[in-house]
């Protein structure tokens, strides 16, 4: 919310620089945190800078894109999210034998600070195509409430669904299904590579097919694949079935960037970063809360109970996404 408002007044580029530098520096501090209270403080501040990066970076890319290419460019930008996860999976696979030591853990965590090298590139090479039309304009949530509330619902549903599986899946696959540690890292790397590719595929398909119909199809396959990735029936607990479920799930949520593209195109530039960024990050908070809830479920009922809870959460969250998209106001003046 804070950096979204700043981006709508001062510009997206400066906020992007501050966000990228901020979360990278605090990742270094996180890697060397050994006291829980300090670790929590550092991670919280890092989250603020993460919000700044998405709020500015995605909107910056959208506004640089030709009007007819907005969905594709936005999908390519979001593919970076999946690529980052894929690279994390590769790094984990390489370092899996060293993660039991504090030195290995710290080296693994320090890889999260590598985006710091992008700051000079952003400063010297990234251009900005944004000038506030009305400098003194105040953001009115009520004016754009139909778009804002649906964006919050859809982003919350997507984050809850995604993190319900992927935030816990390495532990679930290793402890419950007895996947080898190296295979878990490889699985997550490939899955996120598929997801990144799917973002681009869905972005290209949006020029040929209805964006909303693509989202509906993706929702259906996410629900279906969740039951494969987190089987309710013990007979389906096998490496091939669960791997297939993860891969289908990763491909199915390729429609995610289409939602943020719809939201960004539905509001004027003066409030775009604030409203879309706030909706996105509220969704991230919702996903984080549910991730914590899942941790509590594991503590209370054990890992074997997880599929019953997660599959139910997936179904409800996807219904929420469907509702927000099905009721999205169609007659809007899309602005560049």
C-alpha atoms as a PDB file:
ATOM      1  CA  UNK A   1       0.000   0.000   0.000  1.00  0.00           C
ATOM      2  CA  UNK A   2       2.779   2.431   0.954  1.00  0.00           C
ATOM      3  CA  UNK A   3       5.020   1.853  -2.035  1.00  0.00           C
ATOM      4  CA  UNK A   4       2.051   1.550  -4.380  1.00  0.00           C
ATOM      5  CA  UNK A   5       0.990   5.057  -3.466  1.00  0.00           C
ATOM      6  CA  UNK A   6       4.570   6.337  -3.843  1.00  0.00           C
ATOM      7  CA  UNK A   7       4.824   4.664  -7.253  1.00  0.00           C
ATOM      8  CA  UNK A   8       1.628   6.409  -8.376  1.00  0.00           C
ATOM      9  CA  UNK A   9       3.062   9.800  -7.348  1.00  0.00           C
ATOM     10  CA  UNK A  10       6.842   9.639  -7.836  1.00  0.00           C
ATOM     11  CA  UNK A  11       7.051   6.942 -10.491  1.00  0.00           C
ATOM     12  CA  UNK A  12       7.589   3.206 -10.727  1.00  0.00           C
ATOM     13  CA  UNK A  13      11.337   3.084 -11.439  1.00  0.00           C
ATOM     14  CA  UNK A  14      12.587   4.588  -8.171  1.00  0.00           C
ATOM     15  CA  UNK A  15      10.295   2.292  -6.176  1.00  0.00           C
ATOM     16  CA  UNK A  16      11.562  -0.700  -8.164  1.00  0.00           C
ATOM     17  CA  UNK A  17      15.165   0.196  -7.329  1.00  0.00           C
ATOM     18  CA  UNK A  18      14.407   0.681  -3.633  1.00  0.00           C
ATOM     19  CA  UNK A  19      12.390  -2.544  -3.470  1.00  0.00           C
ATOM     20  CA  UNK A  20      14.998  -4.714  -5.206  1.00  0.00           C
ATOM     21  CA  UNK A  21      17.872  -3.311  -3.151  1.00  0.00           C
ATOM     22  CA  UNK A  22      15.864  -3.502   0.066  1.00  0.00           C
ATOM     23  CA  UNK A  23      14.800  -7.139  -0.070  1.00  0.00           C
ATOM     24  CA  UNK A  24      18.275  -8.212  -1.238  1.00  0.00           C
ATOM     25  CA  UNK A  25      20.062  -6.457   1.634  1.00  0.00           C
ATOM     26  CA  UNK A  26      17.648  -7.817   4.213  1.00  0.00           C
ATOM     27  CA  UNK A  27      18.075 -11.304   2.753  1.00  0.00           C
ATOM     28  CA  UNK A  28      21.783 -11.022   3.618  1.00  0.00           C
ATOM     29  CA  UNK A  29      20.841 -10.038   7.164  1.00  0.00           C
ATOM     30  CA  UNK A  30      18.352 -12.914   7.284  1.00  0.00           C
ATOM     31  CA  UNK A  31      21.048 -15.414   6.326  1.00  0.00           C
ATOM     32  CA  UNK A  32      23.106 -14.413   9.373  1.00  0.00           C
ATOM     33  CA  UNK A  33      20.193 -14.184  11.811  1.00  0.00           C
ATOM     34  CA  UNK A  34      20.510 -16.596  14.712  1.00  0.00           C
ATOM     35  CA  UNK A  35      18.025 -15.063  17.195  1.00  0.00           C
ATOM     36  CA  UNK A  36      14.365 -15.720  16.408  1.00  0.00           C
ATOM     37  CA  UNK A  37      13.113 -12.231  17.319  1.00  0.00           C
ATOM     38  CA  UNK A  38      15.719 -10.611  15.070  1.00  0.00           C
ATOM     39  CA  UNK A  39      15.004 -13.111  12.279  1.00  0.00           C
ATOM     40  CA  UNK A  40      11.297 -12.270  12.477  1.00  0.00           C
ATOM     41  CA  UNK A  41      12.003  -8.529  12.366  1.00  0.00           C
ATOM     42  CA  UNK A  42      14.342  -8.837   9.381  1.00  0.00           C
ATOM     43  CA  UNK A  43      11.905 -11.040   7.465  1.00  0.00           C
ATOM     44  CA  UNK A  44       9.044  -8.625   8.134  1.00  0.00           C
ATOM     45  CA  UNK A  45      10.989  -5.637   6.814  1.00  0.00           C
ATOM     46  CA  UNK A  46      12.065  -7.708   3.820  1.00  0.00           C
ATOM     47  CA  UNK A  47       8.390  -8.371   3.099  1.00  0.00           C
ATOM     48  CA  UNK A  48       7.733  -4.633   2.855  1.00  0.00           C
ATOM     49  CA  UNK A  49      10.430  -4.285   0.202  1.00  0.00           C
ATOM     50  CA  UNK A  50       9.076  -7.345  -1.610  1.00  0.00           C
ATOM     51  CA  UNK A  51       5.742  -5.544  -1.848  1.00  0.00           C
ATOM     52  CA  UNK A  52       7.515  -2.539  -3.337  1.00  0.00           C
ATOM     53  CA  UNK A  53       9.206  -4.668  -5.995  1.00  0.00           C
ATOM     54  CA  UNK A  54       6.035  -6.328  -7.310  1.00  0.00           C
ATOM     55  CA  UNK A  55       3.948  -3.166  -7.097  1.00  0.00           C
ATOM     56  CA  UNK A  56       6.440  -1.228  -9.228  1.00  0.00           C
ATOM     57  CA  UNK A  57       8.022  -3.881 -11.436  1.00  0.00           C
ATOM     58  CA  UNK A  58       4.893  -5.474 -12.851  1.00  0.00           C
ATOM     59  CA  UNK A  59       3.147  -2.154 -13.483  1.00  0.00           C
ATOM     60  CA  UNK A  60       6.351  -0.739 -15.006  1.00  0.00           C
ATOM     61  CA  UNK A  61       6.469  -3.605 -17.499  1.00  0.00           C
ATOM     62  CA  UNK A  62       2.760  -3.374 -18.330  1.00  0.00           C
ATOM     63  CA  UNK A  63       3.013   0.343 -19.065  1.00  0.00           C
ATOM     64  CA  UNK A  64       6.024  -0.187 -21.338  1.00  0.00           C
ATOM     65  CA  UNK A  65       4.169  -2.789 -23.385  1.00  0.00           C
ATOM     66  CA  UNK A  66       2.071  -2.077 -26.498  1.00  0.00           C
ATOM     67  CA  UNK A  67      -1.619  -2.122 -25.618  1.00  0.00           C
ATOM     68  CA  UNK A  68      -2.265  -5.338 -27.561  1.00  0.00           C
ATOM     69  CA  UNK A  69       0.670  -7.090 -25.856  1.00  0.00           C
ATOM     70  CA  UNK A  70      -0.129  -6.292 -22.233  1.00  0.00           C
ATOM     71  CA  UNK A  71      -1.216  -9.823 -21.266  1.00  0.00           C
ATOM     72  CA  UNK A  72       1.819 -11.438 -22.897  1.00  0.00           C
ATOM     73  CA  UNK A  73       4.315  -9.035 -21.334  1.00  0.00           C
ATOM     74  CA  UNK A  74       2.666  -9.414 -17.937  1.00  0.00           C
ATOM     75  CA  UNK A  75       2.816 -13.208 -18.289  1.00  0.00           C
ATOM     76  CA  UNK A  76       6.532 -13.066 -19.132  1.00  0.00           C
ATOM     77  CA  UNK A  77       7.165 -10.886 -16.087  1.00  0.00           C
ATOM     78  CA  UNK A  78       5.286 -13.321 -13.855  1.00  0.00           C
ATOM     79  CA  UNK A  79       7.272 -16.192 -15.364  1.00  0.00           C
ATOM     80  CA  UNK A  80      10.222 -14.748 -13.469  1.00  0.00           C
ATOM     81  CA  UNK A  81       8.424 -15.665 -10.237  1.00  0.00           C
ATOM     82  CA  UNK A  82       8.341 -19.311 -11.283  1.00  0.00           C
ATOM     83  CA  UNK A  83      11.899 -19.161 -12.627  1.00  0.00           C
ATOM     84  CA  UNK A  84      13.087 -17.938  -9.244  1.00  0.00           C
ATOM     85  CA  UNK A  85      11.407 -20.897  -7.547  1.00  0.00           C
ATOM     86  CA  UNK A  86      12.895 -23.255 -10.134  1.00  0.00           C
ATOM     87  CA  UNK A  87      16.393 -21.915  -9.506  1.00  0.00           C
ATOM     88  CA  UNK A  88      15.780 -22.314  -5.775  1.00  0.00           C
ATOM     89  CA  UNK A  89      14.880 -25.955  -6.399  1.00  0.00           C
ATOM     90  CA  UNK A  90      18.081 -26.464  -8.391  1.00  0.00           C
ATOM     91  CA  UNK A  91      20.119 -24.789  -5.653  1.00  0.00           C
ATOM     92  CA  UNK A  92      18.459 -26.931  -3.005  1.00  0.00           C
ATOM     93  CA  UNK A  93      19.204 -30.079  -5.013  1.00  0.00           C
ATOM     94  CA  UNK A  94      22.874 -29.143  -5.325  1.00  0.00           C
ATOM     95  CA  UNK A  95      23.187 -28.195  -1.656  1.00  0.00           C
ATOM     96  CA  UNK A  96      20.873 -30.804  -0.103  1.00  0.00           C
ATOM     97  CA  UNK A  97      23.821 -32.640   1.460  1.00  0.00           C
ATOM     98  CA  UNK A  98      25.077 -29.489   3.179  1.00  0.00           C
ATOM     99  CA  UNK A  99      21.825 -28.070   4.560  1.00  0.00           C
ATOM    100  CA  UNK A 100      22.276 -29.703   7.980  1.00  0.00           C
ATOM    101  CA  UNK A 101      25.176 -27.375   8.774  1.00  0.00           C
ATOM    102  CA  UNK A 102      24.747 -23.695   9.614  1.00  0.00           C
ATOM    103  CA  UNK A 103      27.343 -22.789   6.978  1.00  0.00           C
ATOM    104  CA  UNK A 104      25.465 -24.637   4.239  1.00  0.00           C
ATOM    105  CA  UNK A 105      22.182 -23.090   5.347  1.00  0.00           C
ATOM    106  CA  UNK A 106      23.661 -19.589   5.246  1.00  0.00           C
ATOM    107  CA  UNK A 107      25.141 -20.067   1.784  1.00  0.00           C
ATOM    108  CA  UNK A 108      21.766 -21.307   0.555  1.00  0.00           C
ATOM    109  CA  UNK A 109      20.023 -18.268   2.054  1.00  0.00           C
ATOM    110  CA  UNK A 110      22.611 -15.866   0.620  1.00  0.00           C
ATOM    111  CA  UNK A 111      21.637 -16.879  -2.917  1.00  0.00           C
ATOM    112  CA  UNK A 112      18.432 -14.895  -2.285  1.00  0.00           C
ATOM    113  CA  UNK A 113      20.462 -11.674  -2.252  1.00  0.00           C
ATOM    114  CA  UNK A 114      21.732 -12.091  -5.828  1.00  0.00           C
ATOM    115  CA  UNK A 115      19.092  -9.698  -7.298  1.00  0.00           C
ATOM    116  CA  UNK A 116      21.170  -6.904  -5.743  1.00  0.00           C
ATOM    117  CA  UNK A 117      23.307  -6.985  -8.894  1.00  0.00           C
ATOM    118  CA  UNK A 118      20.245  -5.885 -10.904  1.00  0.00           C
ATOM    119  CA  UNK A 119      20.001  -2.494  -9.192  1.00  0.00           C
ATOM    120  CA  UNK A 120      22.595  -0.732 -11.418  1.00  0.00           C
ATOM    121  CA  UNK A 121      20.930  -2.232 -14.501  1.00  0.00           C
ATOM    122  CA  UNK A 122      17.518  -0.907 -13.445  1.00  0.00           C
ATOM    123  CA  UNK A 123      18.993   2.532 -12.769  1.00  0.00           C
ATOM    124  CA  UNK A 124      20.866   2.917 -16.053  1.00  0.00           C
ATOM    125  CA  UNK A 125      18.908   0.780 -18.534  1.00  0.00           C
ATOM    126  CA  UNK A 126      15.239   0.661 -17.526  1.00  0.00           C
ATOM    127  CA  UNK A 127      13.081   3.441 -18.942  1.00  0.00           C
ATOM    128  CA  UNK A 128       9.786   4.623 -17.524  1.00  0.00           C
ATOM    129  CA  UNK A 129       6.674   5.558 -19.467  1.00  0.00           C
ATOM    130  CA  UNK A 130       4.584   7.118 -16.730  1.00  0.00           C
ATOM    131  CA  UNK A 131       3.594  10.662 -15.839  1.00  0.00           C
ATOM    132  CA  UNK A 132       0.808  11.296 -13.330  1.00  0.00           C
ATOM    133  CA  UNK A 133      -2.019  13.106 -15.127  1.00  0.00           C
ATOM    134  CA  UNK A 134      -3.342  14.718 -11.955  1.00  0.00           C
ATOM    135  CA  UNK A 135      -0.615  15.240  -9.354  1.00  0.00           C
ATOM    136  CA  UNK A 136      -2.989  15.998  -6.501  1.00  0.00           C
ATOM    137  CA  UNK A 137      -5.478  13.223  -7.199  1.00  0.00           C
ATOM    138  CA  UNK A 138      -6.438  11.194  -4.143  1.00  0.00           C
ATOM    139  CA  UNK A 139      -7.031   7.476  -4.333  1.00  0.00           C
ATOM    140  CA  UNK A 140     -10.686   6.618  -3.819  1.00  0.00           C
ATOM    141  CA  UNK A 141     -11.213   2.951  -3.067  1.00  0.00           C
ATOM    142  CA  UNK A 142     -14.972   3.434  -3.390  1.00  0.00           C
ATOM    143  CA  UNK A 143     -14.622   4.652  -6.967  1.00  0.00           C
ATOM    144  CA  UNK A 144     -12.904   1.420  -8.027  1.00  0.00           C
ATOM    145  CA  UNK A 145     -14.387  -0.858  -5.388  1.00  0.00           C
ATOM    146  CA  UNK A 146     -15.901  -3.429  -7.800  1.00  0.00           C
ATOM    147  CA  UNK A 147     -12.462  -4.011  -9.358  1.00  0.00           C
ATOM    148  CA  UNK A 148     -10.506  -3.793  -6.121  1.00  0.00           C
ATOM    149  CA  UNK A 149     -12.596  -6.243  -4.110  1.00  0.00           C
ATOM    150  CA  UNK A 150     -12.635  -8.806  -6.910  1.00  0.00           C
ATOM    151  CA  UNK A 151      -8.891  -8.441  -7.398  1.00  0.00           C
ATOM    152  CA  UNK A 152      -8.387  -9.059  -3.677  1.00  0.00           C
ATOM    153  CA  UNK A 153     -10.629 -12.147  -3.763  1.00  0.00           C
ATOM    154  CA  UNK A 154      -8.952 -13.619  -6.835  1.00  0.00           C
ATOM    155  CA  UNK A 155      -5.404 -12.926  -5.635  1.00  0.00           C
ATOM    156  CA  UNK A 156      -6.196 -14.303  -2.192  1.00  0.00           C
ATOM    157  CA  UNK A 157      -7.690 -17.426  -3.749  1.00  0.00           C
ATOM    158  CA  UNK A 158      -4.665 -17.951  -5.979  1.00  0.00           C
ATOM    159  CA  UNK A 159      -2.122 -17.441  -3.199  1.00  0.00           C
ATOM    160  CA  UNK A 160      -4.031 -19.655  -0.782  1.00  0.00           C
ATOM    161  CA  UNK A 161      -4.344 -22.427  -3.375  1.00  0.00           C
ATOM    162  CA  UNK A 162      -0.730 -22.150  -4.538  1.00  0.00           C
ATOM    163  CA  UNK A 163       0.894 -21.926  -1.099  1.00  0.00           C
ATOM    164  CA  UNK A 164      -1.357 -24.619   0.366  1.00  0.00           C
ATOM    165  CA  UNK A 165       0.477 -27.062  -1.860  1.00  0.00           C
ATOM    166  CA  UNK A 166       3.867 -25.647  -2.735  1.00  0.00           C
ATOM    167  CA  UNK A 167       4.771 -24.129   0.653  1.00  0.00           C
ATOM    168  CA  UNK A 168       4.610 -27.561   2.286  1.00  0.00           C
ATOM    169  CA  UNK A 169       5.099 -29.955  -0.617  1.00  0.00           C
ATOM    170  CA  UNK A 170       8.827 -30.642  -0.148  1.00  0.00           C
ATOM    171  CA  UNK A 171       8.171 -31.812   3.432  1.00  0.00           C
ATOM    172  CA  UNK A 172       4.994 -33.636   2.446  1.00  0.00           C
ATOM    173  CA  UNK A 173       6.635 -35.526  -0.431  1.00  0.00           C
ATOM    174  CA  UNK A 174       9.694 -36.434   1.614  1.00  0.00           C
ATOM    175  CA  UNK A 175       8.020 -37.357   4.914  1.00  0.00           C
ATOM    176  CA  UNK A 176       4.664 -38.741   3.786  1.00  0.00           C
ATOM    177  CA  UNK A 177       5.404 -40.211   0.355  1.00  0.00           C
ATOM    178  CA  UNK A 178       9.108 -40.908   1.062  1.00  0.00           C
ATOM    179  CA  UNK A 179      10.441 -39.147  -2.023  1.00  0.00           C
ATOM    180  CA  UNK A 180      14.270 -38.908  -2.009  1.00  0.00           C
ATOM    181  CA  UNK A 181      15.528 -35.443  -1.021  1.00  0.00           C
ATOM    182  CA  UNK A 182      17.321 -34.890  -4.330  1.00  0.00           C
ATOM    183  CA  UNK A 183      14.139 -35.825  -6.227  1.00  0.00           C
ATOM    184  CA  UNK A 184      12.084 -33.312  -4.239  1.00  0.00           C
ATOM    185  CA  UNK A 185      14.413 -30.490  -5.280  1.00  0.00           C
ATOM    186  CA  UNK A 186      14.360 -31.679  -8.887  1.00  0.00           C
ATOM    187  CA  UNK A 187      10.566 -32.010  -8.799  1.00  0.00           C
ATOM    188  CA  UNK A 188      10.086 -28.445  -7.577  1.00  0.00           C
ATOM    189  CA  UNK A 189      12.590 -27.078 -10.082  1.00  0.00           C
ATOM    190  CA  UNK A 190      10.888 -28.770 -13.046  1.00  0.00           C
ATOM    191  CA  UNK A 191       7.415 -27.866 -11.766  1.00  0.00           C
ATOM    192  CA  UNK A 192       8.277 -24.189 -11.559  1.00  0.00           C
ATOM    193  CA  UNK A 193       9.933 -24.329 -14.948  1.00  0.00           C
ATOM    194  CA  UNK A 194       6.668 -25.719 -16.304  1.00  0.00           C
ATOM    195  CA  UNK A 195       4.765 -22.998 -14.478  1.00  0.00           C
ATOM    196  CA  UNK A 196       6.917 -20.230 -15.964  1.00  0.00           C
ATOM    197  CA  UNK A 197       6.468 -21.663 -19.444  1.00  0.00           C
ATOM    198  CA  UNK A 198       2.736 -21.980 -18.836  1.00  0.00           C
ATOM    199  CA  UNK A 199       2.505 -18.274 -17.953  1.00  0.00           C
ATOM    200  CA  UNK A 200       3.835 -17.392 -21.390  1.00  0.00           C
ATOM    201  CA  UNK A 201       1.636 -19.964 -23.157  1.00  0.00           C
ATOM    202  CA  UNK A 202      -1.497 -18.642 -21.466  1.00  0.00           C
ATOM    203  CA  UNK A 203      -0.396 -15.103 -22.320  1.00  0.00           C
ATOM    204  CA  UNK A 204      -0.141 -15.994 -26.000  1.00  0.00           C
ATOM    205  CA  UNK A 205      -3.426 -17.917 -25.963  1.00  0.00           C
ATOM    206  CA  UNK A 206      -5.167 -14.813 -24.601  1.00  0.00           C
ATOM    207  CA  UNK A 207      -4.866 -13.244 -28.081  1.00  0.00           C
ATOM    208  CA  UNK A 208      -6.803 -16.123 -29.659  1.00  0.00           C
ATOM    209  CA  UNK A 209      -9.211 -17.177 -26.910  1.00  0.00           C
ATOM    210  CA  UNK A 210     -11.309 -15.455 -24.285  1.00  0.00           C
ATOM    211  CA  UNK A 211      -9.176 -14.496 -21.278  1.00  0.00           C
ATOM    212  CA  UNK A 212     -11.977 -15.399 -18.888  1.00  0.00           C
ATOM    213  CA  UNK A 213     -12.542 -18.813 -20.482  1.00  0.00           C
ATOM    214  CA  UNK A 214      -8.822 -19.560 -20.189  1.00  0.00           C
ATOM    215  CA  UNK A 215      -9.085 -18.748 -16.491  1.00  0.00           C
ATOM    216  CA  UNK A 216     -12.106 -21.042 -16.044  1.00  0.00           C
ATOM    217  CA  UNK A 217     -10.290 -23.945 -17.730  1.00  0.00           C
ATOM    218  CA  UNK A 218      -7.217 -23.336 -15.571  1.00  0.00           C
ATOM    219  CA  UNK A 219      -9.346 -23.363 -12.414  1.00  0.00           C
ATOM    220  CA  UNK A 220     -10.881 -26.714 -13.336  1.00  0.00           C
ATOM    221  CA  UNK A 221      -7.492 -28.327 -13.948  1.00  0.00           C
ATOM    222  CA  UNK A 222      -6.047 -26.888 -10.732  1.00  0.00           C
ATOM    223  CA  UNK A 223      -8.805 -28.568  -8.728  1.00  0.00           C
ATOM    224  CA  UNK A 224      -8.346 -31.853 -10.604  1.00  0.00           C
ATOM    225  CA  UNK A 225      -4.555 -31.921 -10.295  1.00  0.00           C
ATOM    226  CA  UNK A 226      -4.621 -30.998  -6.593  1.00  0.00           C
ATOM    227  CA  UNK A 227      -6.297 -34.347  -5.892  1.00  0.00           C
ATOM    228  CA  UNK A 228      -3.457 -36.088  -7.726  1.00  0.00           C
ATOM    229  CA  UNK A 229      -0.655 -34.143  -6.061  1.00  0.00           C
ATOM    230  CA  UNK A 230      -2.224 -34.594  -2.591  1.00  0.00           C
ATOM    231  CA  UNK A 231      -4.053 -37.966  -2.875  1.00  0.00           C
ATOM    232  CA  UNK A 232      -6.978 -38.727  -0.580  1.00  0.00           C
ATOM    233  CA  UNK A 233      -6.731 -42.453  -1.363  1.00  0.00           C
ATOM    234  CA  UNK A 234      -3.595 -44.215  -0.145  1.00  0.00           C
ATOM    235  CA  UNK A 235      -3.462 -46.385  -3.274  1.00  0.00           C
ATOM    236  CA  UNK A 236      -2.700 -43.213  -5.257  1.00  0.00           C
ATOM    237  CA  UNK A 237       0.265 -42.312  -3.072  1.00  0.00           C
ATOM    238  CA  UNK A 238       2.991 -43.051  -5.583  1.00  0.00           C
ATOM    239  CA  UNK A 239       5.834 -41.150  -7.180  1.00  0.00           C
ATOM    240  CA  UNK A 240       4.428 -41.205 -10.761  1.00  0.00           C
ATOM    241  CA  UNK A 241       0.866 -40.125  -9.830  1.00  0.00           C
ATOM    242  CA  UNK A 242       1.911 -37.403  -7.430  1.00  0.00           C
ATOM    243  CA  UNK A 243       4.607 -36.126  -9.788  1.00  0.00           C
ATOM    244  CA  UNK A 244       2.064 -35.935 -12.610  1.00  0.00           C
ATOM    245  CA  UNK A 245      -0.292 -34.067 -10.290  1.00  0.00           C
ATOM    246  CA  UNK A 246       2.355 -31.488  -9.409  1.00  0.00           C
ATOM    247  CA  UNK A 247       3.274 -30.957 -13.064  1.00  0.00           C
ATOM    248  CA  UNK A 248      -0.366 -30.566 -14.187  1.00  0.00           C
ATOM    249  CA  UNK A 249      -1.015 -28.232 -11.268  1.00  0.00           C
ATOM    250  CA  UNK A 250       2.012 -26.113 -12.172  1.00  0.00           C
ATOM    251  CA  UNK A 251       0.850 -25.817 -15.782  1.00  0.00           C
ATOM    252  CA  UNK A 252      -2.798 -25.172 -14.878  1.00  0.00           C
ATOM    253  CA  UNK A 253      -2.096 -22.060 -12.808  1.00  0.00           C
ATOM    254  CA  UNK A 254      -0.502 -20.419 -15.840  1.00  0.00           C
ATOM    255  CA  UNK A 255      -3.612 -18.217 -16.008  1.00  0.00           C
ATOM    256  CA  UNK A 256      -2.541 -16.365 -12.830  1.00  0.00           C
ATOM    257  CA  UNK A 257      -0.896 -13.424 -14.682  1.00  0.00           C
ATOM    258  CA  UNK A 258      -4.069 -12.966 -16.737  1.00  0.00           C
ATOM    259  CA  UNK A 259      -5.855 -11.940 -13.546  1.00  0.00           C
ATOM    260  CA  UNK A 260      -3.330  -9.247 -12.664  1.00  0.00           C
ATOM    261  CA  UNK A 261      -3.402  -8.075 -16.287  1.00  0.00           C
ATOM    262  CA  UNK A 262      -7.189  -7.734 -16.147  1.00  0.00           C
ATOM    263  CA  UNK A 263      -6.978  -5.806 -12.877  1.00  0.00           C
ATOM    264  CA  UNK A 264      -4.245  -3.442 -14.109  1.00  0.00           C
ATOM    265  CA  UNK A 265      -6.139  -2.737 -17.341  1.00  0.00           C
ATOM    266  CA  UNK A 266      -9.365  -1.946 -15.501  1.00  0.00           C
ATOM    267  CA  UNK A 267      -8.107   1.084 -13.549  1.00  0.00           C
ATOM    268  CA  UNK A 268      -6.396   4.335 -14.631  1.00  0.00           C
ATOM    269  CA  UNK A 269      -2.600   4.815 -14.285  1.00  0.00           C
ATOM    270  CA  UNK A 270      -2.904   7.244 -11.368  1.00  0.00           C
ATOM    271  CA  UNK A 271      -4.156   4.494  -9.040  1.00  0.00           C
ATOM    272  CA  UNK A 272      -2.905   1.389 -10.835  1.00  0.00           C
ATOM    273  CA  UNK A 273       0.136   0.594  -8.692  1.00  0.00           C
ATOM    274  CA  UNK A 274      -1.728   1.243  -5.454  1.00  0.00           C
ATOM    275  CA  UNK A 275      -4.816  -0.820  -6.226  1.00  0.00           C
ATOM    276  CA  UNK A 276      -3.222  -3.727  -8.083  1.00  0.00           C
ATOM    277  CA  UNK A 277      -0.225  -3.883  -5.760  1.00  0.00           C
ATOM    278  CA  UNK A 278      -2.382  -3.758  -2.652  1.00  0.00           C
ATOM    279  CA  UNK A 279      -4.684  -6.494  -3.961  1.00  0.00           C
ATOM    280  CA  UNK A 280      -1.713  -8.687  -4.860  1.00  0.00           C
ATOM    281  CA  UNK A 281      -0.043  -8.300  -1.489  1.00  0.00           C
ATOM    282  CA  UNK A 282      -3.260  -8.783   0.484  1.00  0.00           C
ATOM    283  CA  UNK A 283      -3.488 -12.056  -1.414  1.00  0.00           C
ATOM    284  CA  UNK A 284       0.065 -12.897  -0.377  1.00  0.00           C
ATOM    285  CA  UNK A 285      -0.817 -12.222   3.262  1.00  0.00           C
ATOM    286  CA  UNK A 286      -3.869 -14.487   2.980  1.00  0.00           C
ATOM    287  CA  UNK A 287      -1.673 -17.230   1.509  1.00  0.00           C
ATOM    288  CA  UNK A 288       0.830 -16.804   4.329  1.00  0.00           C
ATOM    289  CA  UNK A 289      -1.875 -17.074   6.982  1.00  0.00           C
ATOM    290  CA  UNK A 290      -3.190 -20.292   5.455  1.00  0.00           C
ATOM    291  CA  UNK A 291       0.376 -21.653   5.223  1.00  0.00           C
ATOM    292  CA  UNK A 292       0.743 -21.042   8.962  1.00  0.00           C
ATOM    293  CA  UNK A 293      -2.634 -22.708   9.517  1.00  0.00           C
ATOM    294  CA  UNK A 294      -1.442 -25.770   7.597  1.00  0.00           C
ATOM    295  CA  UNK A 295       1.597 -25.918   9.858  1.00  0.00           C
ATOM    296  CA  UNK A 296      -0.782 -26.019  12.815  1.00  0.00           C
ATOM    297  CA  UNK A 297      -2.818 -28.769  11.159  1.00  0.00           C
ATOM    298  CA  UNK A 298       0.318 -30.888  10.753  1.00  0.00           C
ATOM    299  CA  UNK A 299       1.195 -30.344  14.421  1.00  0.00           C
ATOM    300  CA  UNK A 300      -2.304 -31.285  15.552  1.00  0.00           C
ATOM    301  CA  UNK A 301      -3.285 -34.101  13.178  1.00  0.00           C
ATOM    302  CA  UNK A 302      -0.068 -35.267  11.510  1.00  0.00           C
ATOM    303  CA  UNK A 303       1.196 -35.154   7.939  1.00  0.00           C
ATOM    304  CA  UNK A 304      -1.118 -38.002   6.841  1.00  0.00           C
ATOM    305  CA  UNK A 305      -4.172 -35.785   7.406  1.00  0.00           C
ATOM    306  CA  UNK A 306      -2.883 -33.014   5.160  1.00  0.00           C
ATOM    307  CA  UNK A 307      -4.517 -34.076   1.836  1.00  0.00           C
ATOM    308  CA  UNK A 308      -8.012 -33.864   3.357  1.00  0.00           C
ATOM    309  CA  UNK A 309      -7.471 -30.293   4.511  1.00  0.00           C
ATOM    310  CA  UNK A 310      -5.456 -29.085   1.515  1.00  0.00           C
ATOM    311  CA  UNK A 311      -7.789 -30.508  -1.127  1.00  0.00           C
ATOM    312  CA  UNK A 312     -10.722 -28.848   0.635  1.00  0.00           C
ATOM    313  CA  UNK A 313      -8.864 -25.536   0.778  1.00  0.00           C
ATOM    314  CA  UNK A 314      -7.997 -25.841  -2.916  1.00  0.00           C
ATOM    315  CA  UNK A 315     -11.636 -26.381  -3.882  1.00  0.00           C
ATOM    316  CA  UNK A 316     -12.946 -23.440  -1.832  1.00  0.00           C
ATOM    317  CA  UNK A 317     -10.214 -21.037  -2.937  1.00  0.00           C
ATOM    318  CA  UNK A 318     -10.736 -21.908  -6.602  1.00  0.00           C
ATOM    319  CA  UNK A 319     -14.476 -21.283  -6.216  1.00  0.00           C
ATOM    320  CA  UNK A 320     -13.579 -17.830  -4.863  1.00  0.00           C
ATOM    321  CA  UNK A 321     -11.364 -17.133  -7.896  1.00  0.00           C
ATOM    322  CA  UNK A 322     -14.123 -18.323 -10.231  1.00  0.00           C
ATOM    323  CA  UNK A 323     -16.660 -16.056  -8.534  1.00  0.00           C
ATOM    324  CA  UNK A 324     -14.423 -12.983  -8.761  1.00  0.00           C
ATOM    325  CA  UNK A 325     -13.709 -13.538 -12.458  1.00  0.00           C
ATOM    326  CA  UNK A 326     -17.257 -14.558 -13.413  1.00  0.00           C
ATOM    327  CA  UNK A 327     -18.664 -11.386 -11.835  1.00  0.00           C
ATOM    328  CA  UNK A 328     -15.884  -9.067 -13.040  1.00  0.00           C
ATOM    329  CA  UNK A 329     -17.379  -5.896 -14.641  1.00  0.00           C
ATOM    330  CA  UNK A 330     -16.973  -6.473 -18.388  1.00  0.00           C
ATOM    331  CA  UNK A 331     -17.774  -3.001 -19.732  1.00  0.00           C
ATOM    332  CA  UNK A 332     -14.651  -1.126 -18.698  1.00  0.00           C
ATOM    333  CA  UNK A 333     -12.553   1.425 -20.533  1.00  0.00           C
ATOM    334  CA  UNK A 334      -9.145  -0.195 -20.635  1.00  0.00           C
ATOM    335  CA  UNK A 335      -6.420   2.426 -20.304  1.00  0.00           C
ATOM    336  CA  UNK A 336      -2.763   2.118 -21.290  1.00  0.00           C
END
